[in-house]
Amino acid sequence: MSDPSSWFKRTPPWVWCSLIPTFGGLAIAYAGRKARTPEWVYLGLGLFAGAIAFSSYGIVYVIWAAQVGIAFGIKERFLVKTLPRSGSYDLFHDDRTARLLAEAHGKLDINTCSKDEMVRRLGLPIVYANDIESMRNEGYMFTHLEELSEIAGLPESYLRRIEPLITFLYDPRKEEYFSWRRLNTCSVSELMAFGVDEAIAQTLFNERLARGDYQSLMDVKKRTGVPFRSYQSLM
């Protein structure tokens, strides 16, 4: 596929065909079939039938103007709906297009999507996709947009662009990760009973004692430097 920006700037041939008197409604019906949007098909056929029925009356000009206006009006939605799923979303387009993309192709769950999807569909630079993947591999589950900035370092400009395109779905398979909160209640001996190394357990306990409860897995990592795998048995 060509560059996404050129994709959204193009005018499909069927739009120009809508300029044809009487038969232009069929162009809209074609667009509906191509975009798998039945209402466009019915609308186009209706306009065509109306143009045939009233071909001898002045209202045919109203129908012609309507079909042209509708064709140009749905052009953007058509381009969104027919954008190949393997193509990259044009994040440098306006927010309206981003929301239409999410509506047509569905949102990406930032906790389960692949690195390739982050790069190709969200348009994220590979360095940020790597950081997000690294945190997920450590067991971290993102729960809101701001965490992508605070934890993965995404600039505010990227957050605004991807906000309409991503979601943070609850994954029952990751329910176990909520038990990290045991770090706020367990003693050193209790942590060791869960299989945590004594030195690691002491570090986790001392940090909590000195600076208060942990707020998240990332908070644990930042404050102690202890990798998630060192106390994964706790989960």
Foldseek 3Di string as FASTA:
>chain_A
DDDQVVLQVDFDPLLVCLLDQLQNLVSQLVLCVLLVNVVSVVRSVVLNVVCVVQVVDPCSVVSSVVSNVVSVVCRNLSSLSNPDPQAEDPLVDDPVSLLSNCVNPNAAALLPDALSCCCGHLVDDSLLSVQSVVVSVLLFADADLVCSCVRSNDDPSSSVSCVSRHHHDDDPVSPVQVLVQVLQPDALVRLVVLVADSVVSVLSNVQCVVPNGADGPVSSCVRRVDGSVRRVSSD
